[in-house]
Amino acid sequence: MELREYKSTDCEQMAQLFYNTVHSVNVKDYTEEQLNACATGSVDLQEWNHSFLNHKTVVAVEDDEVIGFGDIDQSGCLARLYVHINYQGM
């Protein structure tokens, strides 16, 4: 596994990872309605890219696949942290 800084070309994989993680890992904690409200499957990639570029964003990659990511905003608050279902707890 490699940890590296975010690149704009990661954004689409990260959006898919976000959706898949919410709808698989979080399924035990939320109703289907809540999951669908949180992760619709449709994010504004341009907006997400802009956000990731303006935050400190770290991406975990293995075999050219994004397996996790996290970003911290300008104030130092954690904005997002998601890990692929097959890499939970590692």
N, C-alpha and C. Protein backbone atom coordinates (compact mmCIF):
# COMPACT_ATOMS: atom_id res chain seq x y z
N MET A 1 0.84 -1.18 0.00
CA MET A 1 0.00 0.00 0.00
C MET A 1 0.88 1.24 0.00
N GLU A 2 0.48 2.20 -0.78
CA GLU A 2 1.20 3.48 -0.87
C GLU A 2 0.27 4.59 -0.39
N LEU A 3 0.79 5.47 0.46
CA LEU A 3 0.08 6.69 0.85
C LEU A 3 0.72 7.84 0.09
N ARG A 4 -0.12 8.64 -0.55
CA ARG A 4 0.40 9.76 -1.33
C ARG A 4 -0.61 10.90 -1.35
N GLU A 5 -0.15 12.03 -1.86
CA GLU A 5 -1.04 13.19 -1.98
C GLU A 5 -2.06 12.95 -3.10
N TYR A 6 -3.17 13.59 -2.96
CA TYR A 6 -4.27 13.52 -3.92
C TYR A 6 -3.87 14.07 -5.28
N LYS A 7 -4.37 13.41 -6.32
CA LYS A 7 -4.27 13.90 -7.70
C LYS A 7 -5.68 13.97 -8.27
N SER A 8 -5.94 14.95 -9.11
CA SER A 8 -7.27 15.12 -9.69
C SER A 8 -7.78 13.85 -10.37
N THR A 9 -6.89 13.05 -10.89
CA THR A 9 -7.30 11.82 -11.57
C THR A 9 -7.84 10.77 -10.59
N ASP A 10 -7.69 11.00 -9.28
CA ASP A 10 -8.21 10.08 -8.27
C ASP A 10 -9.69 10.29 -7.98
N CYS A 11 -10.22 11.43 -8.35
CA CYS A 11 -11.52 11.87 -7.87
C CYS A 11 -12.65 10.88 -8.18
N GLU A 12 -12.69 10.38 -9.38
CA GLU A 12 -13.78 9.47 -9.76
C GLU A 12 -13.73 8.18 -8.93
N GLN A 13 -12.54 7.62 -8.75
CA GLN A 13 -12.41 6.42 -7.92
C GLN A 13 -12.80 6.70 -6.47
N MET A 14 -12.46 7.88 -5.98
CA MET A 14 -12.79 8.25 -4.60
C MET A 14 -14.29 8.40 -4.42
N ALA A 15 -14.97 8.95 -5.41
CA ALA A 15 -16.43 9.09 -5.33
C ALA A 15 -17.09 7.71 -5.30
N GLN A 16 -16.58 6.79 -6.10
CA GLN A 16 -17.13 5.43 -6.10
C GLN A 16 -16.83 4.73 -4.78
N LEU A 17 -15.63 4.91 -4.25
CA LEU A 17 -15.27 4.33 -2.96
C LEU A 17 -16.17 4.87 -1.86
N PHE A 18 -16.43 6.16 -1.87
CA PHE A 18 -17.33 6.78 -0.90
C PHE A 18 -18.70 6.11 -0.94
N TYR A 19 -19.28 6.01 -2.13
CA TYR A 19 -20.61 5.40 -2.26
C TYR A 19 -20.59 3.95 -1.77
N ASN A 20 -19.62 3.17 -2.25
CA ASN A 20 -19.56 1.75 -1.88
C ASN A 20 -19.34 1.56 -0.39
N THR A 21 -18.53 2.38 0.22
CA THR A 21 -18.26 2.26 1.65
C THR A 21 -19.50 2.58 2.46
N VAL A 22 -20.16 3.66 2.14
CA VAL A 22 -21.37 4.04 2.86
C VAL A 22 -22.42 2.93 2.75
N HIS A 23 -22.58 2.38 1.56
CA HIS A 23 -23.64 1.40 1.33
C HIS A 23 -23.25 -0.03 1.70
N SER A 24 -22.03 -0.26 2.15
CA SER A 24 -21.65 -1.60 2.60
C SER A 24 -21.24 -1.59 4.07
N VAL A 25 -20.28 -0.78 4.41
CA VAL A 25 -19.77 -0.73 5.78
C VAL A 25 -20.79 -0.12 6.74
N ASN A 26 -21.45 0.94 6.32
CA ASN A 26 -22.35 1.66 7.21
C ASN A 26 -23.77 1.10 7.24
N VAL A 27 -24.02 0.05 6.49
CA VAL A 27 -25.36 -0.51 6.39
C VAL A 27 -25.88 -1.03 7.74
N LYS A 28 -24.99 -1.41 8.62
CA LYS A 28 -25.42 -1.94 9.92
C LYS A 28 -25.84 -0.83 10.90
N ASP A 29 -25.49 0.42 10.59
CA ASP A 29 -25.75 1.52 11.52
C ASP A 29 -26.86 2.47 11.08
N TYR A 30 -27.27 2.39 9.81
CA TYR A 30 -28.23 3.36 9.28
C TYR A 30 -29.31 2.67 8.47
N THR A 31 -30.45 3.32 8.34
CA THR A 31 -31.52 2.80 7.50
C THR A 31 -31.15 3.01 6.04
N GLU A 32 -31.84 2.32 5.16
CA GLU A 32 -31.61 2.48 3.72
C GLU A 32 -31.87 3.92 3.29
N GLU A 33 -32.91 4.51 3.86
CA GLU A 33 -33.23 5.90 3.53
C GLU A 33 -32.07 6.83 3.93
N GLN A 34 -31.49 6.62 5.10
CA GLN A 34 -30.36 7.45 5.55
C GLN A 34 -29.15 7.24 4.66
N LEU A 35 -28.87 5.99 4.28
CA LEU A 35 -27.73 5.70 3.40
C LEU A 35 -27.90 6.39 2.06
N ASN A 36 -29.11 6.30 1.51
CA ASN A 36 -29.38 6.93 0.21
C ASN A 36 -29.31 8.45 0.28
N ALA A 37 -29.66 9.02 1.42
CA ALA A 37 -29.57 10.47 1.58
C ALA A 37 -28.10 10.91 1.67
N CYS A 38 -27.28 10.11 2.33
CA CYS A 38 -25.87 10.44 2.51
C CYS A 38 -25.07 10.23 1.23
N ALA A 39 -25.30 9.10 0.59
CA ALA A 39 -24.54 8.74 -0.61
C ALA A 39 -25.51 8.37 -1.71
N THR A 40 -25.77 9.32 -2.58
CA THR A 40 -26.76 9.12 -3.64
C THR A 40 -26.20 8.38 -4.85
N GLY A 41 -24.87 8.32 -4.95
CA GLY A 41 -24.25 7.73 -6.14
C GLY A 41 -23.93 8.78 -7.18
N SER A 42 -24.27 10.01 -6.87
CA SER A 42 -24.03 11.11 -7.80
C SER A 42 -23.43 12.28 -7.03
N VAL A 43 -22.13 12.46 -7.17
CA VAL A 43 -21.48 13.63 -6.56
C VAL A 43 -21.00 14.54 -7.68
N ASP A 44 -20.85 15.80 -7.36
CA ASP A 44 -20.31 16.76 -8.31
C ASP A 44 -18.79 16.60 -8.29
N LEU A 45 -18.26 15.88 -9.28
CA LEU A 45 -16.83 15.59 -9.30
C LEU A 45 -15.98 16.86 -9.35
N GLN A 46 -16.46 17.87 -10.04
CA GLN A 46 -15.72 19.14 -10.13
C GLN A 46 -15.64 19.79 -8.74
N GLU A 47 -16.75 19.76 -8.02
CA GLU A 47 -16.78 20.32 -6.67
C GLU A 47 -15.90 19.51 -5.72
N TRP A 48 -16.00 18.19 -5.80
CA TRP A 48 -15.16 17.35 -4.94
C TRP A 48 -13.68 17.58 -5.25
N ASN A 49 -13.32 17.62 -6.51
CA ASN A 49 -11.93 17.84 -6.90
C ASN A 49 -11.43 19.15 -6.32
N HIS A 50 -12.21 20.20 -6.46
CA HIS A 50 -11.83 21.51 -5.92
C HIS A 50 -11.61 21.42 -4.40
N SER A 51 -12.51 20.74 -3.72
CA SER A 51 -12.40 20.58 -2.28
C SER A 51 -11.13 19.81 -1.90
N PHE A 52 -10.89 18.69 -2.57
CA PHE A 52 -9.69 17.89 -2.27
C PHE A 52 -8.41 18.67 -2.53
N LEU A 53 -8.40 19.47 -3.58
CA LEU A 53 -7.21 20.28 -3.89
C LEU A 53 -6.99 21.37 -2.86
N ASN A 54 -8.06 21.86 -2.25
CA ASN A 54 -7.93 22.93 -1.25
C ASN A 54 -7.74 22.39 0.16
N HIS A 55 -7.84 21.11 0.34
CA HIS A 55 -7.60 20.47 1.64
C HIS A 55 -6.28 19.71 1.59
N LYS A 56 -5.82 19.29 2.73
CA LYS A 56 -4.71 18.35 2.81
C LYS A 56 -5.35 16.98 2.61
N THR A 57 -5.14 16.38 1.44
CA THR A 57 -5.80 15.13 1.09
C THR A 57 -4.77 14.05 0.85
N VAL A 58 -4.95 12.93 1.55
CA VAL A 58 -4.06 11.78 1.43
C VAL A 58 -4.88 10.62 0.87
N VAL A 59 -4.26 9.90 -0.07
CA VAL A 59 -4.92 8.78 -0.73
C VAL A 59 -4.09 7.52 -0.50
N ALA A 60 -4.76 6.44 -0.14
CA ALA A 60 -4.12 5.12 -0.02
C ALA A 60 -4.40 4.37 -1.32
N VAL A 61 -3.33 3.83 -1.92
CA VAL A 61 -3.45 3.17 -3.22
C VAL A 61 -2.74 1.82 -3.14
N GLU A 62 -3.37 0.83 -3.77
CA GLU A 62 -2.73 -0.48 -3.91
C GLU A 62 -3.05 -1.00 -5.31
N ASP A 63 -2.02 -1.36 -6.06
CA ASP A 63 -2.19 -1.84 -7.43
C ASP A 63 -3.04 -0.87 -8.26
N ASP A 64 -2.73 0.40 -8.17
CA ASP A 64 -3.41 1.47 -8.92
C ASP A 64 -4.88 1.64 -8.57
N GLU A 65 -5.32 1.06 -7.46
CA GLU A 65 -6.70 1.21 -7.01
C GLU A 65 -6.71 2.04 -5.73
N VAL A 66 -7.57 3.04 -5.67
CA VAL A 66 -7.75 3.83 -4.45
C VAL A 66 -8.46 2.94 -3.44
N ILE A 67 -7.81 2.71 -2.30
CA ILE A 67 -8.41 1.85 -1.26
C ILE A 67 -8.78 2.64 -0.02
N GLY A 68 -8.48 3.91 -0.01
CA GLY A 68 -8.87 4.77 1.10
C GLY A 68 -8.44 6.19 0.85
N PHE A 69 -9.07 7.11 1.57
CA PHE A 69 -8.68 8.51 1.47
C PHE A 69 -9.20 9.28 2.67
N GLY A 70 -8.53 10.37 2.94
CA GLY A 70 -8.96 11.28 3.98
C GLY A 70 -8.50 12.68 3.64
N ASP A 71 -9.25 13.66 4.13
CA ASP A 71 -8.84 15.04 3.89
C ASP A 71 -9.15 15.91 5.10
N ILE A 72 -8.30 16.89 5.29
CA ILE A 72 -8.41 17.83 6.41
C ILE A 72 -8.56 19.23 5.82
N ASP A 73 -9.56 19.97 6.32
CA ASP A 73 -9.81 21.30 5.76
C ASP A 73 -8.83 22.33 6.31
N GLN A 74 -8.99 23.56 5.88
CA GLN A 74 -8.06 24.65 6.25
C GLN A 74 -8.02 24.92 7.75
N SER A 75 -9.11 24.63 8.45
CA SER A 75 -9.16 24.88 9.90
C SER A 75 -8.60 23.71 10.71
N GLY A 76 -8.23 22.61 10.03
CA GLY A 76 -7.67 21.46 10.71
C GLY A 76 -8.69 20.39 11.05
N CYS A 77 -9.92 20.55 10.57
CA CYS A 77 -10.97 19.56 10.85
C CYS A 77 -10.97 18.47 9.79
N LEU A 78 -11.16 17.24 10.24
CA LEU A 78 -11.28 16.11 9.32
C LEU A 78 -12.57 16.27 8.53
N ALA A 79 -12.46 16.30 7.23
CA ALA A 79 -13.63 16.47 6.37
C ALA A 79 -14.21 15.12 5.97
N ARG A 80 -13.36 14.21 5.48
CA ARG A 80 -13.81 12.89 5.04
C ARG A 80 -12.72 11.88 5.37
N LEU A 81 -13.15 10.65 5.65
CA LEU A 81 -12.24 9.53 5.84
C LEU A 81 -12.99 8.26 5.48
N TYR A 82 -12.58 7.62 4.40
CA TYR A 82 -13.26 6.42 3.91
C TYR A 82 -12.24 5.37 3.52
N VAL A 83 -12.56 4.12 3.85
CA VAL A 83 -11.68 2.99 3.56
C VAL A 83 -12.50 1.91 2.86
N HIS A 84 -11.94 1.36 1.82
CA HIS A 84 -12.56 0.28 1.05
C HIS A 84 -12.96 -0.85 2.00
N ILE A 85 -14.09 -1.47 1.74
CA ILE A 85 -14.61 -2.52 2.61
C ILE A 85 -13.60 -3.65 2.85
N ASN A 86 -12.81 -4.00 1.84
CA ASN A 86 -11.83 -5.09 1.97
C ASN A 86 -10.59 -4.69 2.76
N TYR A 87 -10.48 -3.43 3.14
CA TYR A 87 -9.31 -2.95 3.87
C TYR A 87 -9.67 -2.37 5.24
N GLN A 88 -10.89 -2.57 5.67
CA GLN A 88 -11.33 -2.09 6.98
C GLN A 88 -10.49 -2.76 8.07
N GLY A 89 -10.05 -1.99 9.05
CA GLY A 89 -9.32 -2.51 10.19
C GLY A 89 -7.84 -2.77 9.95
N MET A 90 -7.36 -2.46 8.76
CA MET A 90 -5.94 -2.68 8.47
C MET A 90 -5.12 -1.44 8.74
